[in-house]
N, C-alpha and C. Protein backbone atom coordinates (compact mmCIF):
# COMPACT_ATOMS: atom_id res chain seq x y z
N UNK A 1 -32.15 -18.50 -3.29
CA UNK A 1 -31.17 -18.93 -4.28
C UNK A 1 -29.76 -18.61 -3.77
N UNK A 2 -28.86 -19.56 -3.89
CA UNK A 2 -27.49 -19.41 -3.42
C UNK A 2 -26.71 -18.48 -4.34
N UNK A 3 -25.89 -17.62 -3.75
CA UNK A 3 -25.05 -16.73 -4.55
C UNK A 3 -24.06 -17.55 -5.36
N UNK A 4 -23.79 -17.11 -6.59
CA UNK A 4 -22.78 -17.75 -7.43
C UNK A 4 -21.40 -17.45 -6.84
N UNK A 5 -20.52 -18.42 -6.88
CA UNK A 5 -19.18 -18.24 -6.35
C UNK A 5 -18.30 -17.44 -7.30
N UNK A 6 -18.63 -17.49 -8.58
CA UNK A 6 -17.88 -16.77 -9.61
C UNK A 6 -18.88 -16.05 -10.50
N UNK A 7 -18.71 -14.75 -10.66
CA UNK A 7 -19.62 -13.96 -11.47
C UNK A 7 -18.81 -13.09 -12.43
N UNK A 8 -19.49 -12.42 -13.34
CA UNK A 8 -18.79 -11.52 -14.25
C UNK A 8 -18.03 -10.44 -13.49
N UNK A 9 -18.52 -10.05 -12.31
CA UNK A 9 -17.85 -9.02 -11.52
C UNK A 9 -16.55 -9.50 -10.89
N UNK A 10 -16.39 -10.82 -10.77
CA UNK A 10 -15.16 -11.35 -10.18
C UNK A 10 -14.25 -11.99 -11.23
N UNK A 11 -14.44 -11.57 -12.47
CA UNK A 11 -13.60 -12.04 -13.58
C UNK A 11 -12.96 -10.82 -14.24
N UNK A 12 -11.67 -10.90 -14.48
CA UNK A 12 -10.96 -9.83 -15.19
C UNK A 12 -10.25 -10.45 -16.39
N UNK A 13 -10.52 -9.89 -17.55
CA UNK A 13 -9.97 -10.41 -18.81
C UNK A 13 -8.87 -9.47 -19.32
N UNK A 14 -7.81 -10.05 -19.88
CA UNK A 14 -6.77 -9.27 -20.53
C UNK A 14 -5.93 -8.41 -19.60
N UNK A 15 -5.68 -8.90 -18.41
CA UNK A 15 -4.92 -8.12 -17.43
C UNK A 15 -3.41 -8.18 -17.72
N UNK A 16 -2.71 -7.15 -17.24
CA UNK A 16 -1.25 -7.08 -17.31
C UNK A 16 -0.75 -6.61 -15.95
N UNK A 17 0.34 -7.23 -15.50
CA UNK A 17 0.88 -6.89 -14.19
C UNK A 17 2.40 -6.80 -14.25
N UNK A 18 2.96 -5.99 -13.35
CA UNK A 18 4.41 -5.85 -13.23
C UNK A 18 5.04 -7.00 -12.46
N UNK A 19 4.27 -7.59 -11.56
CA UNK A 19 4.82 -8.64 -10.71
C UNK A 19 3.72 -9.60 -10.28
N UNK A 20 4.13 -10.73 -9.77
CA UNK A 20 3.15 -11.69 -9.28
C UNK A 20 2.43 -11.15 -8.06
N UNK A 21 3.10 -10.33 -7.24
CA UNK A 21 2.40 -9.73 -6.10
C UNK A 21 1.27 -8.83 -6.57
N UNK A 22 1.54 -8.03 -7.61
CA UNK A 22 0.47 -7.17 -8.16
C UNK A 22 -0.69 -8.02 -8.68
N UNK A 23 -0.37 -9.13 -9.32
CA UNK A 23 -1.41 -10.01 -9.86
C UNK A 23 -2.25 -10.60 -8.73
N UNK A 24 -1.58 -11.05 -7.68
CA UNK A 24 -2.29 -11.64 -6.55
C UNK A 24 -3.17 -10.58 -5.87
N UNK A 25 -2.63 -9.39 -5.71
CA UNK A 25 -3.41 -8.30 -5.09
C UNK A 25 -4.63 -7.94 -5.95
N UNK A 26 -4.48 -8.01 -7.27
CA UNK A 26 -5.63 -7.73 -8.16
C UNK A 26 -6.71 -8.79 -7.96
N UNK A 27 -6.30 -10.04 -7.82
CA UNK A 27 -7.27 -11.11 -7.53
C UNK A 27 -8.00 -10.82 -6.22
N UNK A 28 -7.23 -10.46 -5.21
CA UNK A 28 -7.82 -10.14 -3.92
C UNK A 28 -8.77 -8.97 -4.00
N UNK A 29 -8.44 -7.98 -4.80
CA UNK A 29 -9.32 -6.81 -4.95
C UNK A 29 -10.68 -7.20 -5.52
N UNK A 30 -10.69 -8.17 -6.44
CA UNK A 30 -11.97 -8.65 -6.98
C UNK A 30 -12.80 -9.30 -5.88
N UNK A 31 -12.16 -10.09 -5.05
CA UNK A 31 -12.86 -10.73 -3.93
C UNK A 31 -13.35 -9.68 -2.93
N UNK A 32 -12.55 -8.64 -2.73
CA UNK A 32 -12.93 -7.56 -1.81
C UNK A 32 -14.15 -6.81 -2.35
N UNK A 33 -14.12 -6.48 -3.63
CA UNK A 33 -15.25 -5.76 -4.24
C UNK A 33 -16.53 -6.59 -4.23
N UNK A 34 -16.39 -7.91 -4.24
CA UNK A 34 -17.55 -8.79 -4.18
C UNK A 34 -18.00 -9.03 -2.74
N UNK A 35 -17.35 -8.36 -1.81
CA UNK A 35 -17.67 -8.46 -0.39
C UNK A 35 -17.48 -9.88 0.17
N UNK A 36 -16.50 -10.59 -0.38
CA UNK A 36 -16.19 -11.94 0.11
C UNK A 36 -15.18 -11.91 1.25
N UNK A 37 -14.36 -10.86 1.27
CA UNK A 37 -13.25 -10.82 2.23
C UNK A 37 -13.10 -9.43 2.85
N UNK A 38 -12.33 -9.39 3.92
CA UNK A 38 -11.83 -8.13 4.48
C UNK A 38 -10.48 -7.88 3.80
N UNK A 39 -10.06 -6.64 3.75
CA UNK A 39 -8.82 -6.27 3.05
C UNK A 39 -7.60 -7.03 3.56
N UNK A 40 -7.57 -7.39 4.82
CA UNK A 40 -6.42 -8.11 5.40
C UNK A 40 -6.17 -9.45 4.71
N UNK A 41 -7.21 -10.03 4.12
CA UNK A 41 -7.05 -11.31 3.43
C UNK A 41 -6.10 -11.18 2.24
N UNK A 42 -6.09 -10.01 1.60
CA UNK A 42 -5.21 -9.81 0.43
C UNK A 42 -3.75 -9.94 0.86
N UNK A 43 -3.39 -9.34 1.98
CA UNK A 43 -2.02 -9.48 2.49
C UNK A 43 -1.70 -10.95 2.77
N UNK A 44 -2.67 -11.68 3.29
CA UNK A 44 -2.48 -13.11 3.58
C UNK A 44 -2.28 -13.91 2.29
N UNK A 45 -2.92 -13.48 1.20
CA UNK A 45 -2.73 -14.16 -0.09
C UNK A 45 -1.28 -13.98 -0.56
N UNK A 46 -0.77 -12.77 -0.42
CA UNK A 46 0.63 -12.50 -0.80
C UNK A 46 1.58 -13.28 0.09
N UNK A 47 1.29 -13.28 1.38
CA UNK A 47 2.11 -14.03 2.35
C UNK A 47 2.14 -15.51 2.00
N UNK A 48 1.00 -16.06 1.65
CA UNK A 48 0.92 -17.48 1.30
C UNK A 48 1.80 -17.80 0.09
N UNK A 49 1.78 -16.92 -0.92
CA UNK A 49 2.61 -17.16 -2.10
C UNK A 49 4.09 -17.05 -1.77
N UNK A 50 4.45 -16.16 -0.87
CA UNK A 50 5.86 -16.03 -0.47
C UNK A 50 6.34 -17.28 0.26
N UNK A 51 5.46 -17.87 1.06
CA UNK A 51 5.81 -19.07 1.82
C UNK A 51 5.95 -20.28 0.90
N UNK A 52 5.07 -20.38 -0.06
CA UNK A 52 5.08 -21.50 -1.01
C UNK A 52 4.25 -21.08 -2.22
N UNK A 53 4.85 -21.16 -3.38
CA UNK A 53 4.20 -20.64 -4.58
C UNK A 53 2.77 -21.17 -4.75
N UNK A 54 1.91 -20.31 -5.27
CA UNK A 54 0.53 -20.71 -5.54
C UNK A 54 0.38 -21.15 -7.00
N UNK A 55 1.50 -21.21 -7.73
CA UNK A 55 1.48 -21.72 -9.10
C UNK A 55 1.25 -23.23 -9.04
N UNK A 56 0.25 -23.73 -9.79
CA UNK A 56 -0.08 -25.16 -9.72
C UNK A 56 0.26 -25.93 -10.99
N UNK A 57 0.71 -25.23 -12.04
CA UNK A 57 1.10 -25.90 -13.26
C UNK A 57 0.20 -25.57 -14.43
N UNK A 58 0.65 -25.90 -15.63
CA UNK A 58 -0.09 -25.71 -16.88
C UNK A 58 -0.56 -24.26 -17.07
N UNK A 59 0.24 -23.31 -16.58
CA UNK A 59 -0.09 -21.90 -16.76
C UNK A 59 -1.14 -21.36 -15.81
N UNK A 60 -1.36 -22.07 -14.69
CA UNK A 60 -2.42 -21.68 -13.75
C UNK A 60 -1.84 -21.48 -12.34
N UNK A 61 -2.31 -20.41 -11.68
CA UNK A 61 -1.98 -20.16 -10.27
C UNK A 61 -3.29 -20.04 -9.51
N UNK A 62 -3.27 -20.47 -8.26
CA UNK A 62 -4.46 -20.43 -7.42
C UNK A 62 -4.14 -19.65 -6.13
N UNK A 63 -4.17 -18.31 -6.22
CA UNK A 63 -3.91 -17.51 -5.02
C UNK A 63 -4.98 -17.73 -3.95
N UNK A 64 -4.50 -17.86 -2.71
CA UNK A 64 -5.40 -18.04 -1.57
C UNK A 64 -4.65 -17.63 -0.32
N UNK A 65 -5.36 -17.45 0.75
CA UNK A 65 -4.75 -17.00 1.99
C UNK A 65 -4.11 -18.12 2.79
N UNK A 66 -3.56 -17.73 3.91
CA UNK A 66 -2.98 -18.69 4.84
C UNK A 66 -4.08 -19.31 5.69
N UNK A 67 -3.75 -20.37 6.37
CA UNK A 67 -4.72 -21.03 7.24
C UNK A 67 -5.25 -20.05 8.30
N UNK A 68 -4.37 -19.21 8.79
CA UNK A 68 -4.74 -18.26 9.84
C UNK A 68 -5.65 -17.14 9.31
N UNK A 69 -5.70 -16.94 8.01
CA UNK A 69 -6.45 -15.81 7.44
C UNK A 69 -7.94 -16.09 7.21
N UNK A 70 -8.39 -17.29 7.56
CA UNK A 70 -9.80 -17.63 7.38
C UNK A 70 -10.70 -16.62 8.10
N UNK A 71 -10.20 -16.06 9.18
CA UNK A 71 -10.99 -15.07 9.95
C UNK A 71 -11.31 -13.82 9.14
N UNK A 72 -10.59 -13.59 8.04
CA UNK A 72 -10.83 -12.41 7.19
C UNK A 72 -11.79 -12.70 6.04
N UNK A 73 -12.31 -13.92 5.98
CA UNK A 73 -13.25 -14.29 4.92
C UNK A 73 -14.67 -14.08 5.41
N UNK A 74 -15.45 -13.30 4.65
CA UNK A 74 -16.85 -13.06 4.98
C UNK A 74 -17.74 -14.15 4.41
N UNK A 75 -17.44 -14.54 3.17
CA UNK A 75 -18.20 -15.60 2.49
C UNK A 75 -17.31 -16.21 1.42
N UNK A 76 -17.61 -17.42 1.06
CA UNK A 76 -16.83 -18.12 0.04
C UNK A 76 -17.02 -17.47 -1.32
N UNK A 77 -15.92 -17.31 -2.03
CA UNK A 77 -15.99 -16.74 -3.36
C UNK A 77 -14.74 -17.08 -4.16
N UNK A 78 -14.86 -16.92 -5.46
CA UNK A 78 -13.74 -17.13 -6.38
C UNK A 78 -13.59 -15.91 -7.26
N UNK A 79 -12.37 -15.66 -7.70
CA UNK A 79 -12.09 -14.62 -8.69
C UNK A 79 -11.18 -15.23 -9.73
N UNK A 80 -11.38 -14.86 -10.98
CA UNK A 80 -10.57 -15.39 -12.06
C UNK A 80 -9.97 -14.22 -12.84
N UNK A 81 -8.65 -14.25 -13.01
CA UNK A 81 -7.96 -13.21 -13.75
C UNK A 81 -7.16 -13.86 -14.87
N UNK A 82 -7.44 -13.40 -16.09
CA UNK A 82 -6.75 -13.90 -17.27
C UNK A 82 -5.62 -12.92 -17.60
N UNK A 83 -4.42 -13.45 -17.76
CA UNK A 83 -3.23 -12.64 -18.05
C UNK A 83 -2.59 -13.19 -19.33
N UNK A 84 -3.04 -12.71 -20.49
CA UNK A 84 -2.58 -13.28 -21.77
C UNK A 84 -1.06 -13.33 -21.94
N UNK A 85 -0.35 -12.30 -21.48
CA UNK A 85 1.11 -12.28 -21.62
C UNK A 85 1.81 -13.06 -20.51
N UNK A 86 1.04 -13.49 -19.52
CA UNK A 86 1.57 -14.28 -18.42
C UNK A 86 2.25 -13.44 -17.37
N UNK A 87 2.41 -14.03 -16.21
CA UNK A 87 3.12 -13.41 -15.09
C UNK A 87 4.04 -14.47 -14.50
N UNK A 88 5.29 -14.09 -14.28
CA UNK A 88 6.31 -15.03 -13.83
C UNK A 88 6.15 -15.33 -12.34
N UNK A 89 5.94 -16.59 -12.02
CA UNK A 89 5.85 -17.03 -10.64
C UNK A 89 7.16 -17.68 -10.19
N UNK A 90 8.23 -17.42 -10.92
CA UNK A 90 9.55 -17.93 -10.57
C UNK A 90 9.85 -19.27 -11.22
N UNK A 91 11.12 -19.53 -11.42
CA UNK A 91 11.60 -20.80 -11.99
C UNK A 91 10.96 -21.11 -13.33
N UNK A 92 10.69 -20.08 -14.12
CA UNK A 92 10.10 -20.30 -15.44
C UNK A 92 8.64 -20.68 -15.42
N UNK A 93 7.99 -20.53 -14.28
CA UNK A 93 6.57 -20.86 -14.14
C UNK A 93 5.76 -19.62 -14.49
N UNK A 94 5.17 -19.63 -15.68
CA UNK A 94 4.42 -18.49 -16.18
C UNK A 94 2.92 -18.79 -16.08
N UNK A 95 2.22 -18.00 -15.26
CA UNK A 95 0.77 -18.18 -15.12
C UNK A 95 0.04 -17.24 -16.07
N UNK A 96 -0.91 -17.78 -16.80
CA UNK A 96 -1.77 -16.98 -17.68
C UNK A 96 -3.20 -16.93 -17.15
N UNK A 97 -3.46 -17.74 -16.14
CA UNK A 97 -4.77 -17.78 -15.52
C UNK A 97 -4.59 -17.88 -14.02
N UNK A 98 -5.23 -16.97 -13.29
CA UNK A 98 -5.19 -17.00 -11.84
C UNK A 98 -6.61 -17.20 -11.34
N UNK A 99 -6.79 -18.17 -10.47
CA UNK A 99 -8.09 -18.46 -9.88
C UNK A 99 -7.94 -18.29 -8.37
N UNK A 100 -8.40 -17.15 -7.87
CA UNK A 100 -8.26 -16.84 -6.45
C UNK A 100 -9.40 -17.46 -5.66
N UNK A 101 -9.05 -17.92 -4.46
CA UNK A 101 -10.02 -18.61 -3.62
C UNK A 101 -10.09 -17.97 -2.24
N UNK A 102 -11.31 -17.73 -1.79
CA UNK A 102 -11.59 -17.38 -0.40
C UNK A 102 -12.67 -18.36 0.04
N UNK A 103 -12.31 -19.26 0.95
CA UNK A 103 -13.25 -20.33 1.29
C UNK A 103 -13.51 -20.43 2.79
N UNK A 104 -14.77 -20.35 3.16
CA UNK A 104 -15.18 -20.55 4.55
C UNK A 104 -15.51 -22.01 4.82
N UNK A 105 -16.08 -22.66 3.82
CA UNK A 105 -16.47 -24.06 3.97
C UNK A 105 -16.02 -24.84 2.75
N UNK A 106 -16.86 -25.76 2.31
CA UNK A 106 -16.52 -26.61 1.17
C UNK A 106 -17.28 -26.25 -0.10
N UNK A 107 -18.03 -25.13 -0.08
CA UNK A 107 -18.88 -24.78 -1.23
C UNK A 107 -18.08 -24.63 -2.53
N UNK A 108 -16.82 -24.27 -2.42
CA UNK A 108 -16.00 -23.99 -3.59
C UNK A 108 -15.41 -25.25 -4.24
N UNK A 109 -15.49 -26.37 -3.57
CA UNK A 109 -14.79 -27.58 -4.03
C UNK A 109 -15.26 -28.03 -5.41
N UNK A 110 -16.58 -28.06 -5.65
CA UNK A 110 -17.08 -28.53 -6.95
C UNK A 110 -16.60 -27.63 -8.09
N UNK A 111 -16.66 -26.31 -7.86
CA UNK A 111 -16.22 -25.40 -8.92
C UNK A 111 -14.72 -25.49 -9.14
N UNK A 112 -13.94 -25.60 -8.07
CA UNK A 112 -12.50 -25.76 -8.23
C UNK A 112 -12.16 -27.06 -8.94
N UNK A 113 -12.90 -28.10 -8.65
CA UNK A 113 -12.70 -29.38 -9.34
C UNK A 113 -12.95 -29.22 -10.84
N UNK A 114 -14.04 -28.52 -11.18
CA UNK A 114 -14.35 -28.29 -12.59
C UNK A 114 -13.26 -27.45 -13.26
N UNK A 115 -12.79 -26.42 -12.57
CA UNK A 115 -11.73 -25.58 -13.12
C UNK A 115 -10.45 -26.39 -13.29
N UNK A 116 -10.13 -27.25 -12.33
CA UNK A 116 -8.94 -28.09 -12.43
C UNK A 116 -9.04 -29.03 -13.63
N UNK A 117 -10.21 -29.61 -13.86
CA UNK A 117 -10.40 -30.50 -15.00
C UNK A 117 -10.23 -29.74 -16.32
N UNK A 118 -10.72 -28.51 -16.37
CA UNK A 118 -10.57 -27.69 -17.57
C UNK A 118 -9.11 -27.34 -17.79
N UNK A 119 -8.39 -27.06 -16.71
CA UNK A 119 -7.01 -26.62 -16.82
C UNK A 119 -6.05 -27.73 -17.26
N UNK A 120 -6.43 -28.97 -17.10
CA UNK A 120 -5.59 -30.06 -17.61
C UNK A 120 -5.99 -30.45 -19.03
N UNK A 121 -7.09 -29.91 -19.52
CA UNK A 121 -7.55 -30.12 -20.90
C UNK A 121 -7.10 -28.91 -21.71
N UNK A 122 -6.08 -29.09 -22.54
CA UNK A 122 -5.49 -27.97 -23.26
C UNK A 122 -6.51 -27.20 -24.11
N UNK A 123 -7.47 -27.89 -24.71
CA UNK A 123 -8.47 -27.22 -25.54
C UNK A 123 -9.40 -26.35 -24.69
N UNK A 124 -9.84 -26.87 -23.56
CA UNK A 124 -10.72 -26.11 -22.67
C UNK A 124 -9.97 -24.94 -22.03
N UNK A 125 -8.72 -25.18 -21.64
CA UNK A 125 -7.91 -24.12 -21.06
C UNK A 125 -7.72 -23.00 -22.08
N UNK A 126 -7.50 -23.37 -23.33
CA UNK A 126 -7.33 -22.37 -24.39
C UNK A 126 -8.58 -21.49 -24.52
N UNK A 127 -9.76 -22.07 -24.31
CA UNK A 127 -10.99 -21.27 -24.37
C UNK A 127 -11.00 -20.20 -23.28
N UNK A 128 -10.53 -20.57 -22.08
CA UNK A 128 -10.45 -19.58 -20.99
C UNK A 128 -9.40 -18.52 -21.30
N UNK A 129 -8.27 -18.96 -21.84
CA UNK A 129 -7.18 -18.02 -22.11
C UNK A 129 -7.49 -17.10 -23.29
N UNK A 130 -8.36 -17.55 -24.19
CA UNK A 130 -8.70 -16.74 -25.36
C UNK A 130 -10.01 -15.99 -25.23
N UNK A 131 -10.68 -16.15 -24.12
CA UNK A 131 -11.95 -15.45 -23.90
C UNK A 131 -11.72 -13.95 -23.96
N UNK A 132 -12.68 -13.24 -24.53
CA UNK A 132 -12.56 -11.78 -24.64
C UNK A 132 -13.54 -11.06 -23.72
N UNK A 133 -14.40 -11.82 -23.05
CA UNK A 133 -15.30 -11.22 -22.08
C UNK A 133 -15.65 -12.25 -21.00
N UNK A 134 -16.06 -11.73 -19.86
CA UNK A 134 -16.34 -12.58 -18.70
C UNK A 134 -17.42 -13.61 -18.99
N UNK A 135 -18.42 -13.24 -19.77
CA UNK A 135 -19.51 -14.17 -20.05
C UNK A 135 -19.00 -15.43 -20.78
N UNK A 136 -17.94 -15.28 -21.57
CA UNK A 136 -17.36 -16.44 -22.25
C UNK A 136 -16.71 -17.39 -21.24
N UNK A 137 -16.07 -16.83 -20.24
CA UNK A 137 -15.46 -17.64 -19.18
C UNK A 137 -16.54 -18.43 -18.46
N UNK A 138 -17.61 -17.74 -18.09
CA UNK A 138 -18.70 -18.41 -17.39
C UNK A 138 -19.33 -19.51 -18.25
N UNK A 139 -19.40 -19.27 -19.54
CA UNK A 139 -19.93 -20.26 -20.46
C UNK A 139 -19.05 -21.52 -20.48
N UNK A 140 -17.73 -21.33 -20.53
CA UNK A 140 -16.81 -22.46 -20.53
C UNK A 140 -16.97 -23.26 -19.23
N UNK A 141 -17.17 -22.54 -18.13
CA UNK A 141 -17.29 -23.19 -16.83
C UNK A 141 -18.71 -23.68 -16.55
N UNK A 142 -19.63 -23.44 -17.49
CA UNK A 142 -21.02 -23.87 -17.36
C UNK A 142 -21.70 -23.26 -16.15
N UNK A 143 -21.31 -22.06 -15.77
CA UNK A 143 -21.91 -21.39 -14.63
C UNK A 143 -23.30 -20.91 -15.00
N UNK A 144 -24.24 -21.17 -14.13
CA UNK A 144 -25.57 -20.66 -14.36
C UNK A 144 -26.41 -21.50 -15.30
N UNK A 145 -25.82 -22.58 -15.83
CA UNK A 145 -26.60 -23.46 -16.71
C UNK A 145 -27.35 -24.47 -15.87
N UNK A 146 -28.53 -24.81 -16.29
CA UNK A 146 -29.28 -25.84 -15.59
C UNK A 146 -28.79 -27.19 -16.06
N UNK A 147 -28.54 -28.08 -15.10
CA UNK A 147 -27.97 -29.34 -15.53
C UNK A 147 -28.69 -30.48 -15.02
């Protein structure tokens, strides 16, 4: 059985951060604890955001490493961090949901596509933003359901 790319262990609900760098590092820490990455990948995630914001719109940011940082990825994984009060990504861009990506291949594409579709649907996005536990997030994303 293939490992899930997003699990309750890689989801953090109700987080608060002082800065976007702290938020990105927290995302990376979830990926590190899930043994998806080496610690150096977290620095690459911060570097990537400094080069070009990882904020994608509608209150969502997608932290990920640089092209050169692929060597620090052990296996593909995702981490999701909900920040109810939001974190400023500059220019009035407030992210309330961060979806961190560590990708070796294309396994993450289907899940990212599903997350993107949810994030443009205000009602579905609200379910993620109002979730009070990780299992609710997985339910919204239909993770683990037989289809």
